[in-house]
Amino acid sequence: MGTDGDFVSRIILSEPGSADVWTNQSIESFGRFFRMDWDTDSVCRRLLDRGPELEPYLKQFQGLRVLRPSDPVETFFSFLCTSNNHISRIKQMVGYLGRLGESIPNDWGIRLYRFPTPERLSRVSELELRQCGFGYRSPNIPKAASMLVERGSNWLESLKTVSYVEAHRELCQFPGIGPKLADCIALFGLDHGEAVPVDTHIWQAFRRLYYPELAESPLTDARYRSTTADFRLKFGELSGWAQQVLFYENMMNWRERRG
């Protein structure tokens, strides 16, 4: 397979003329986003040391990795659109928010936008969002944005430097954010590797692998807290990576298990 650095080089040089437009900075950003500085073989060995039951899943999905967060504000508001929602509608909602940002000039003849700042989103009316299909989530967007503005421009970014427990607690203070969304933002927006978002797919995987006695049981708040605590105790700072493996495997194979 070669090294991760070789992989980056092959992608960049595969397009005619790409060497002319790719700078050292953009190569570095690409590698950082995809965590090319992480030795995935080493990560897999550490995961297997802590959880041998992951071996068939790690073999099946080699190369799966948790992307490194780039913009915590964008991640924060994108996940506010996800509760009780489906992918196509989430894309429409996030796309609408994105178009509220400043236009980015480019030479490609397409419209590009910077994701709007909390200040801009705080001025969006609940009525406008309801008319655009945000439903009951409509008041949460401007309220959460106003709370971010009150806390200061670097407050959300600063949650990367505090403990996972503190970051999770702070995120749960916002309207529309419960334990699961807080874990999503902590993992994918703030790089807290201990975060374990539990949705339907993860709950199915948890019950199959770790809690067969709960096979017919729903996910309650108490079970969310206890099972994620167990998972963090088992996988530590790699909990989010292990979660991604289980999520993707269950997402790909749950229909076969039902049949």
C-alpha atoms as a PDB file:
ATOM      1  CA  MET A   1       0.000   0.000   0.000  1.00  0.00           C
ATOM      2  CA  GLY A   2       2.898   2.369   0.614  1.00  0.00           C
ATOM      3  CA  THR A   3       3.021   5.184   3.127  1.00  0.00           C
ATOM      4  CA  ASP A   4       0.297   7.733   3.727  1.00  0.00           C
ATOM      5  CA  GLY A   5       2.584  10.364   2.211  1.00  0.00           C
ATOM      6  CA  ASP A   6       2.872   8.280  -0.959  1.00  0.00           C
ATOM      7  CA  PHE A   7      -0.919   8.092  -1.081  1.00  0.00           C
ATOM      8  CA  VAL A   8      -1.224  11.881  -0.971  1.00  0.00           C
ATOM      9  CA  SER A   9       1.354  12.262  -3.735  1.00  0.00           C
ATOM     10  CA  ARG A  10      -0.414   9.781  -6.006  1.00  0.00           C
ATOM     11  CA  ILE A  11      -3.726  11.629  -5.650  1.00  0.00           C
ATOM     12  CA  ILE A  12      -2.162  15.000  -6.341  1.00  0.00           C
ATOM     13  CA  LEU A  13      -0.141  13.866  -9.352  1.00  0.00           C
ATOM     14  CA  SER A  14      -2.971  11.844 -10.894  1.00  0.00           C
ATOM     15  CA  GLU A  15      -4.582  14.921 -12.471  1.00  0.00           C
ATOM     16  CA  PRO A  16      -2.963  16.618 -15.492  1.00  0.00           C
ATOM     17  CA  GLY A  17      -1.422  19.885 -14.429  1.00  0.00           C
ATOM     18  CA  SER A  18      -2.204  19.254 -10.782  1.00  0.00           C
ATOM     19  CA  ALA A  19       1.385  19.866  -9.713  1.00  0.00           C
ATOM     20  CA  ASP A  20       0.964  23.446 -10.921  1.00  0.00           C
ATOM     21  CA  VAL A  21      -2.020  24.223  -8.666  1.00  0.00           C
ATOM     22  CA  TRP A  22      -1.191  22.218  -5.547  1.00  0.00           C
ATOM     23  CA  THR A  23       1.015  24.064  -3.074  1.00  0.00           C
ATOM     24  CA  ASN A  24       2.887  22.645  -0.130  1.00  0.00           C
ATOM     25  CA  GLN A  25       0.289  24.270   2.106  1.00  0.00           C
ATOM     26  CA  SER A  26      -2.645  22.623   0.300  1.00  0.00           C
ATOM     27  CA  ILE A  27      -0.886  19.242   0.401  1.00  0.00           C
ATOM     28  CA  GLU A  28      -0.373  19.679   4.130  1.00  0.00           C
ATOM     29  CA  SER A  29      -4.023  20.658   4.615  1.00  0.00           C
ATOM     30  CA  PHE A  30      -5.179  17.642   2.626  1.00  0.00           C
ATOM     31  CA  GLY A  31      -3.024  15.314   4.704  1.00  0.00           C
ATOM     32  CA  ARG A  32      -4.153  16.899   7.951  1.00  0.00           C
ATOM     33  CA  PHE A  33      -7.852  16.620   7.054  1.00  0.00           C
ATOM     34  CA  PHE A  34      -7.521  12.898   6.285  1.00  0.00           C
ATOM     35  CA  ARG A  35      -5.137  12.297   9.230  1.00  0.00           C
ATOM     36  CA  MET A  36      -2.340  11.114   6.977  1.00  0.00           C
ATOM     37  CA  ASP A  37      -0.003  11.825   9.888  1.00  0.00           C
ATOM     38  CA  TRP A  38      -1.605   8.902  11.759  1.00  0.00           C
ATOM     39  CA  ASP A  39      -0.245   5.409  11.185  1.00  0.00           C
ATOM     40  CA  THR A  40      -3.481   3.520  10.587  1.00  0.00           C
ATOM     41  CA  ASP A  41      -1.794   0.150  11.032  1.00  0.00           C
ATOM     42  CA  SER A  42      -0.726   1.248  14.498  1.00  0.00           C
ATOM     43  CA  VAL A  43      -4.239   2.545  15.242  1.00  0.00           C
ATOM     44  CA  CYS A  44      -5.739  -0.806  14.213  1.00  0.00           C
ATOM     45  CA  ARG A  45      -3.281  -2.723  16.382  1.00  0.00           C
ATOM     46  CA  ARG A  46      -4.166  -0.562  19.380  1.00  0.00           C
ATOM     47  CA  LEU A  47      -7.874  -1.029  18.734  1.00  0.00           C
ATOM     48  CA  LEU A  48      -7.455  -4.799  18.485  1.00  0.00           C
ATOM     49  CA  ASP A  49      -5.433  -4.893  21.695  1.00  0.00           C
ATOM     50  CA  ARG A  50      -8.366  -3.266  23.465  1.00  0.00           C
ATOM     51  CA  GLY A  51     -11.181  -4.887  21.493  1.00  0.00           C
ATOM     52  CA  PRO A  52     -10.339  -8.087  19.546  1.00  0.00           C
ATOM     53  CA  GLU A  53     -14.012  -8.306  18.545  1.00  0.00           C
ATOM     54  CA  LEU A  54     -13.370  -5.486  16.034  1.00  0.00           C
ATOM     55  CA  GLU A  55     -10.995  -7.582  13.909  1.00  0.00           C
ATOM     56  CA  PRO A  56     -13.465  -8.644  11.174  1.00  0.00           C
ATOM     57  CA  TYR A  57     -14.762  -5.084  10.862  1.00  0.00           C
ATOM     58  CA  LEU A  58     -11.312  -3.529  10.647  1.00  0.00           C
ATOM     59  CA  LYS A  59     -10.363  -6.036   7.936  1.00  0.00           C
ATOM     60  CA  GLN A  60     -13.548  -5.371   6.000  1.00  0.00           C
ATOM     61  CA  PHE A  61     -13.153  -1.598   6.008  1.00  0.00           C
ATOM     62  CA  GLN A  62      -9.446  -0.951   5.728  1.00  0.00           C
ATOM     63  CA  GLY A  63      -8.699   2.713   5.165  1.00  0.00           C
ATOM     64  CA  LEU A  64     -11.731   3.971   7.074  1.00  0.00           C
ATOM     65  CA  ARG A  65     -10.671   6.917   9.192  1.00  0.00           C
ATOM     66  CA  VAL A  66     -12.104   9.734  11.273  1.00  0.00           C
ATOM     67  CA  LEU A  67     -11.552  13.042   9.488  1.00  0.00           C
ATOM     68  CA  ARG A  68      -9.846  15.770  11.461  1.00  0.00           C
ATOM     69  CA  PRO A  69     -12.152  18.734  12.156  1.00  0.00           C
ATOM     70  CA  SER A  70     -11.656  21.850  10.055  1.00  0.00           C
ATOM     71  CA  ASP A  71     -14.385  24.344  11.063  1.00  0.00           C
ATOM     72  CA  PRO A  72     -16.109  23.761  14.415  1.00  0.00           C
ATOM     73  CA  VAL A  73     -18.750  26.422  13.678  1.00  0.00           C
ATOM     74  CA  GLU A  74     -19.830  24.686  10.484  1.00  0.00           C
ATOM     75  CA  THR A  75     -19.874  21.322  12.269  1.00  0.00           C
ATOM     76  CA  PHE A  76     -21.851  22.767  15.179  1.00  0.00           C
ATOM     77  CA  PHE A  77     -24.676  24.162  13.058  1.00  0.00           C
ATOM     78  CA  SER A  78     -24.686  21.255  10.619  1.00  0.00           C
ATOM     79  CA  PHE A  79     -25.412  18.838  13.450  1.00  0.00           C
ATOM     80  CA  LEU A  80     -28.178  21.111  14.714  1.00  0.00           C
ATOM     81  CA  CYS A  81     -29.922  20.185  11.452  1.00  0.00           C
ATOM     82  CA  THR A  82     -29.620  16.428  11.929  1.00  0.00           C
ATOM     83  CA  SER A  83     -31.930  15.561  14.811  1.00  0.00           C
ATOM     84  CA  ASN A  84     -34.737  13.201  13.685  1.00  0.00           C
ATOM     85  CA  ASN A  85     -33.811  13.909  10.093  1.00  0.00           C
ATOM     86  CA  HIS A  86     -32.613  12.147   6.936  1.00  0.00           C
ATOM     87  CA  ILE A  87     -29.595  12.809   4.728  1.00  0.00           C
ATOM     88  CA  SER A  88     -31.292  14.469   1.763  1.00  0.00           C
ATOM     89  CA  ARG A  89     -33.137  16.953   3.964  1.00  0.00           C
ATOM     90  CA  ILE A  90     -30.055  17.594   6.098  1.00  0.00           C
ATOM     91  CA  LYS A  91     -28.121  18.450   2.922  1.00  0.00           C
ATOM     92  CA  GLN A  92     -30.796  20.927   1.872  1.00  0.00           C
ATOM     93  CA  MET A  93     -30.845  22.590   5.284  1.00  0.00           C
ATOM     94  CA  VAL A  94     -27.067  22.838   5.614  1.00  0.00           C
ATOM     95  CA  GLY A  95     -26.886  24.077   2.030  1.00  0.00           C
ATOM     96  CA  TYR A  96     -29.360  26.842   2.844  1.00  0.00           C
ATOM     97  CA  LEU A  97     -27.346  27.925   5.872  1.00  0.00           C
ATOM     98  CA  GLY A  98     -24.158  27.829   3.832  1.00  0.00           C
ATOM     99  CA  ARG A  99     -25.571  30.204   1.231  1.00  0.00           C
ATOM    100  CA  LEU A 100     -26.082  32.797   3.961  1.00  0.00           C
ATOM    101  CA  GLY A 101     -22.306  33.204   4.143  1.00  0.00           C
ATOM    102  CA  GLU A 102     -20.038  35.457   2.114  1.00  0.00           C
ATOM    103  CA  SER A 103     -19.474  34.593  -1.516  1.00  0.00           C
ATOM    104  CA  ILE A 104     -15.986  33.291  -2.386  1.00  0.00           C
ATOM    105  CA  PRO A 105     -14.613  34.644  -5.686  1.00  0.00           C
ATOM    106  CA  ASN A 106     -13.251  31.924  -7.962  1.00  0.00           C
ATOM    107  CA  ASP A 107     -12.221  31.288 -11.563  1.00  0.00           C
ATOM    108  CA  TRP A 108     -14.376  28.179 -12.053  1.00  0.00           C
ATOM    109  CA  GLY A 109     -17.701  29.862 -12.720  1.00  0.00           C
ATOM    110  CA  ILE A 110     -19.463  28.293  -9.735  1.00  0.00           C
ATOM    111  CA  ARG A 111     -20.952  29.810  -6.602  1.00  0.00           C
ATOM    112  CA  LEU A 112     -18.944  29.137  -3.475  1.00  0.00           C
ATOM    113  CA  TYR A 113     -19.656  30.437   0.019  1.00  0.00           C
ATOM    114  CA  ARG A 114     -17.892  30.633   3.319  1.00  0.00           C
ATOM    115  CA  PHE A 115     -20.008  29.150   6.049  1.00  0.00           C
ATOM    116  CA  PRO A 116     -21.743  32.040   7.838  1.00  0.00           C
ATOM    117  CA  THR A 117     -20.480  33.312  11.160  1.00  0.00           C
ATOM    118  CA  PRO A 118     -22.525  32.956  14.356  1.00  0.00           C
ATOM    119  CA  GLU A 119     -23.189  36.689  14.123  1.00  0.00           C
ATOM    120  CA  ARG A 120     -24.849  36.234  10.723  1.00  0.00           C
ATOM    121  CA  LEU A 121     -26.854  33.205  11.847  1.00  0.00           C
ATOM    122  CA  SER A 122     -28.059  35.018  14.952  1.00  0.00           C
ATOM    123  CA  ARG A 123     -29.900  37.431  12.630  1.00  0.00           C
ATOM    124  CA  VAL A 124     -31.825  34.713  10.786  1.00  0.00           C
ATOM    125  CA  SER A 125     -35.476  34.723  11.783  1.00  0.00           C
ATOM    126  CA  GLU A 126     -37.318  31.638  12.993  1.00  0.00           C
ATOM    127  CA  LEU A 127     -40.026  32.344  10.392  1.00  0.00           C
ATOM    128  CA  GLU A 128     -37.486  32.332   7.555  1.00  0.00           C
ATOM    129  CA  LEU A 129     -36.135  28.954   8.651  1.00  0.00           C
ATOM    130  CA  ARG A 130     -39.608  27.469   9.057  1.00  0.00           C
ATOM    131  CA  GLN A 131     -40.485  28.582   5.540  1.00  0.00           C
ATOM    132  CA  CYS A 132     -37.347  26.790   4.331  1.00  0.00           C
ATOM    133  CA  GLY A 133     -38.300  23.483   5.966  1.00  0.00           C
ATOM    134  CA  PHE A 134     -36.321  23.560   9.213  1.00  0.00           C
ATOM    135  CA  GLY A 135     -39.426  22.685  11.232  1.00  0.00           C
ATOM    136  CA  TYR A 136     -39.096  22.548  15.020  1.00  0.00           C
ATOM    137  CA  ARG A 137     -35.348  23.136  14.686  1.00  0.00           C
ATOM    138  CA  SER A 138     -36.001  26.679  13.427  1.00  0.00           C
ATOM    139  CA  PRO A 139     -35.713  28.543  16.753  1.00  0.00           C
ATOM    140  CA  ASN A 140     -32.599  26.617  17.784  1.00  0.00           C
ATOM    141  CA  ILE A 141     -30.366  27.993  15.021  1.00  0.00           C
ATOM    142  CA  PRO A 142     -30.556  31.735  15.894  1.00  0.00           C
ATOM    143  CA  LYS A 143     -30.726  31.054  19.642  1.00  0.00           C
ATOM    144  CA  ALA A 144     -27.606  28.899  19.582  1.00  0.00           C
ATOM    145  CA  ALA A 145     -25.865  31.431  17.336  1.00  0.00           C
ATOM    146  CA  SER A 146     -26.670  34.253  19.774  1.00  0.00           C
ATOM    147  CA  MET A 147     -25.272  32.182  22.647  1.00  0.00           C
ATOM    148  CA  LEU A 148     -22.032  31.636  20.714  1.00  0.00           C
ATOM    149  CA  VAL A 149     -21.763  35.357  20.014  1.00  0.00           C
ATOM    150  CA  GLU A 150     -22.196  36.102  23.721  1.00  0.00           C
ATOM    151  CA  ARG A 151     -19.400  33.672  24.591  1.00  0.00           C
ATOM    152  CA  GLY A 152     -16.905  35.266  22.210  1.00  0.00           C
ATOM    153  CA  SER A 153     -15.471  34.537  18.787  1.00  0.00           C
ATOM    154  CA  ASN A 154     -12.966  31.907  19.934  1.00  0.00           C
ATOM    155  CA  TRP A 155     -15.079  30.183  22.563  1.00  0.00           C
ATOM    156  CA  LEU A 156     -16.151  27.200  20.453  1.00  0.00           C
ATOM    157  CA  GLU A 157     -12.600  26.704  19.179  1.00  0.00           C
ATOM    158  CA  SER A 158     -11.362  26.808  22.779  1.00  0.00           C
ATOM    159  CA  LEU A 159     -13.406  23.706  23.616  1.00  0.00           C
ATOM    160  CA  LYS A 160     -10.770  21.730  21.702  1.00  0.00           C
ATOM    161  CA  THR A 161      -8.325  22.399  24.533  1.00  0.00           C
ATOM    162  CA  VAL A 162     -10.519  21.418  27.482  1.00  0.00           C
ATOM    163  CA  SER A 163     -11.386  17.903  28.601  1.00  0.00           C
ATOM    164  CA  TYR A 164     -13.980  15.880  26.728  1.00  0.00           C
ATOM    165  CA  VAL A 165     -16.215  15.908  29.812  1.00  0.00           C
ATOM    166  CA  GLU A 166     -16.130  19.702  30.036  1.00  0.00           C
ATOM    167  CA  ALA A 167     -16.670  20.190  26.301  1.00  0.00           C
ATOM    168  CA  HIS A 168     -19.622  17.804  26.328  1.00  0.00           C
ATOM    169  CA  ARG A 169     -21.165  19.537  29.324  1.00  0.00           C
ATOM    170  CA  GLU A 170     -20.826  22.969  27.722  1.00  0.00           C
ATOM    171  CA  LEU A 171     -22.351  21.841  24.424  1.00  0.00           C
ATOM    172  CA  CYS A 172     -25.394  20.400  26.198  1.00  0.00           C
ATOM    173  CA  GLN A 173     -26.242  23.926  27.412  1.00  0.00           C
ATOM    174  CA  PHE A 174     -27.381  24.900  23.903  1.00  0.00           C
ATOM    175  CA  PRO A 175     -30.965  24.540  22.656  1.00  0.00           C
ATOM    176  CA  GLY A 176     -31.491  21.441  20.554  1.00  0.00           C
ATOM    177  CA  ILE A 177     -28.264  19.761  21.717  1.00  0.00           C
ATOM    178  CA  GLY A 178     -28.554  16.642  23.860  1.00  0.00           C
ATOM    179  CA  PRO A 179     -25.911  14.015  24.699  1.00  0.00           C
ATOM    180  CA  LYS A 180     -25.794  12.487  21.215  1.00  0.00           C
ATOM    181  CA  LEU A 181     -25.440  15.747  19.258  1.00  0.00           C
ATOM    182  CA  ALA A 182     -22.914  16.970  21.823  1.00  0.00           C
ATOM    183  CA  ASP A 183     -20.885  13.822  21.167  1.00  0.00           C
ATOM    184  CA  CYS A 184     -21.130  14.341  17.402  1.00  0.00           C
ATOM    185  CA  ILE A 185     -19.846  17.910  17.685  1.00  0.00           C
ATOM    186  CA  ALA A 186     -17.150  16.909  20.188  1.00  0.00           C
ATOM    187  CA  LEU A 187     -15.840  14.152  17.904  1.00  0.00           C
ATOM    188  CA  PHE A 188     -16.238  15.664  14.444  1.00  0.00           C
ATOM    189  CA  GLY A 189     -15.908  19.352  15.288  1.00  0.00           C
ATOM    190  CA  LEU A 190     -13.593  19.528  18.294  1.00  0.00           C
ATOM    191  CA  ASP A 191     -11.375  16.447  17.842  1.00  0.00           C
ATOM    192  CA  HIS A 192     -12.261  14.829  21.164  1.00  0.00           C
ATOM    193  CA  GLY A 193     -11.464  11.213  20.346  1.00  0.00           C
ATOM    194  CA  GLU A 194     -13.228   9.943  23.464  1.00  0.00           C
ATOM    195  CA  ALA A 195     -16.647  10.983  22.155  1.00  0.00           C
ATOM    196  CA  VAL A 196     -19.014   8.126  21.265  1.00  0.00           C
ATOM    197  CA  PRO A 197     -22.154   9.299  19.430  1.00  0.00           C
ATOM    198  CA  VAL A 198     -24.812   6.604  19.771  1.00  0.00           C
ATOM    199  CA  ASP A 199     -27.519   6.474  17.119  1.00  0.00           C
ATOM    200  CA  THR A 200     -29.640   3.560  15.889  1.00  0.00           C
ATOM    201  CA  HIS A 201     -26.694   1.868  14.170  1.00  0.00           C
ATOM    202  CA  ILE A 202     -24.373   2.114  17.167  1.00  0.00           C
ATOM    203  CA  TRP A 203     -27.074   0.966  19.565  1.00  0.00           C
ATOM    204  CA  GLN A 204     -27.656  -2.095  17.390  1.00  0.00           C
ATOM    205  CA  ALA A 205     -23.905  -2.801  17.337  1.00  0.00           C
ATOM    206  CA  PHE A 206     -23.571  -2.269  21.083  1.00  0.00           C
ATOM    207  CA  ARG A 207     -26.375  -4.706  21.837  1.00  0.00           C
ATOM    208  CA  ARG A 208     -25.008  -7.303  19.423  1.00  0.00           C
ATOM    209  CA  LEU A 209     -21.412  -7.162  20.652  1.00  0.00           C
ATOM    210  CA  TYR A 210     -21.556  -6.057  24.270  1.00  0.00           C
ATOM    211  CA  TYR A 211     -25.085  -6.126  25.661  1.00  0.00           C
ATOM    212  CA  PRO A 212     -27.010  -9.116  24.251  1.00  0.00           C
ATOM    213  CA  GLU A 213     -29.242  -8.998  27.325  1.00  0.00           C
ATOM    214  CA  LEU A 214     -30.545  -5.648  25.993  1.00  0.00           C
ATOM    215  CA  ALA A 215     -31.400  -7.028  22.555  1.00  0.00           C
ATOM    216  CA  GLU A 216     -35.006  -5.788  22.684  1.00  0.00           C
ATOM    217  CA  SER A 217     -34.378  -2.743  24.845  1.00  0.00           C
ATOM    218  CA  PRO A 218     -34.617   0.900  23.736  1.00  0.00           C
ATOM    219  CA  LEU A 219     -31.838   3.421  24.224  1.00  0.00           C
ATOM    220  CA  THR A 220     -32.678   5.461  27.317  1.00  0.00           C
ATOM    221  CA  ASP A 221     -30.686   8.390  28.700  1.00  0.00           C
ATOM    222  CA  ALA A 222     -29.328   6.168  31.466  1.00  0.00           C
ATOM    223  CA  ARG A 223     -28.235   3.480  28.990  1.00  0.00           C
ATOM    224  CA  TYR A 224     -26.642   6.135  26.785  1.00  0.00           C
ATOM    225  CA  ARG A 225     -24.525   7.350  29.683  1.00  0.00           C
ATOM    226  CA  SER A 226     -23.550   3.914  30.975  1.00  0.00           C
ATOM    227  CA  THR A 227     -22.749   2.262  27.643  1.00  0.00           C
ATOM    228  CA  THR A 228     -20.702   5.177  26.317  1.00  0.00           C
ATOM    229  CA  ALA A 229     -18.792   5.302  29.611  1.00  0.00           C
ATOM    230  CA  ASP A 230     -18.020   1.585  29.240  1.00  0.00           C
ATOM    231  CA  PHE A 231     -16.886   2.139  25.648  1.00  0.00           C
ATOM    232  CA  ARG A 232     -14.589   5.024  26.649  1.00  0.00           C
ATOM    233  CA  LEU A 233     -13.108   2.899  29.414  1.00  0.00           C
ATOM    234  CA  LYS A 234     -12.369   0.193  26.848  1.00  0.00           C
ATOM    235  CA  PHE A 235     -11.037   2.268  23.941  1.00  0.00           C
ATOM    236  CA  GLY A 236      -9.945   5.540  25.558  1.00  0.00           C
ATOM    237  CA  GLU A 237      -8.852   8.243  23.130  1.00  0.00           C
ATOM    238  CA  LEU A 238      -9.639   5.903  20.206  1.00  0.00           C
ATOM    239  CA  SER A 239     -13.298   5.509  21.166  1.00  0.00           C
ATOM    240  CA  GLY A 240     -14.489   7.732  18.339  1.00  0.00           C
ATOM    241  CA  TRP A 241     -12.437   5.765  15.819  1.00  0.00           C
ATOM    242  CA  ALA A 242     -13.866   2.459  17.093  1.00  0.00           C
ATOM    243  CA  GLN A 243     -17.338   3.989  16.945  1.00  0.00           C
ATOM    244  CA  GLN A 244     -16.855   4.884  13.281  1.00  0.00           C
ATOM    245  CA  VAL A 245     -15.879   1.309  12.439  1.00  0.00           C
ATOM    246  CA  LEU A 246     -18.976  -0.078  14.166  1.00  0.00           C
ATOM    247  CA  PHE A 247     -21.229   2.593  12.660  1.00  0.00           C
ATOM    248  CA  TYR A 248     -20.117   1.991   9.093  1.00  0.00           C
ATOM    249  CA  GLU A 249     -20.220  -1.795   9.416  1.00  0.00           C
ATOM    250  CA  ASN A 250     -23.735  -1.762  10.818  1.00  0.00           C
ATOM    251  CA  MET A 251     -24.918   0.796   8.278  1.00  0.00           C
ATOM    252  CA  MET A 252     -23.683  -1.453   5.460  1.00  0.00           C
ATOM    253  CA  ASN A 253     -24.967  -4.752   6.829  1.00  0.00           C
ATOM    254  CA  TRP A 254     -28.037  -4.156   9.011  1.00  0.00           C
ATOM    255  CA  ARG A 255     -30.505  -5.118   6.282  1.00  0.00           C
ATOM    256  CA  GLU A 256     -28.886  -8.529   5.852  1.00  0.00           C
ATOM    257  CA  ARG A 257     -29.074  -9.121   9.597  1.00  0.00           C
ATOM    258  CA  ARG A 258     -32.774  -8.222   9.599  1.00  0.00           C
ATOM    259  CA  GLY A 259     -33.455 -10.643   6.769  1.00  0.00           C
END
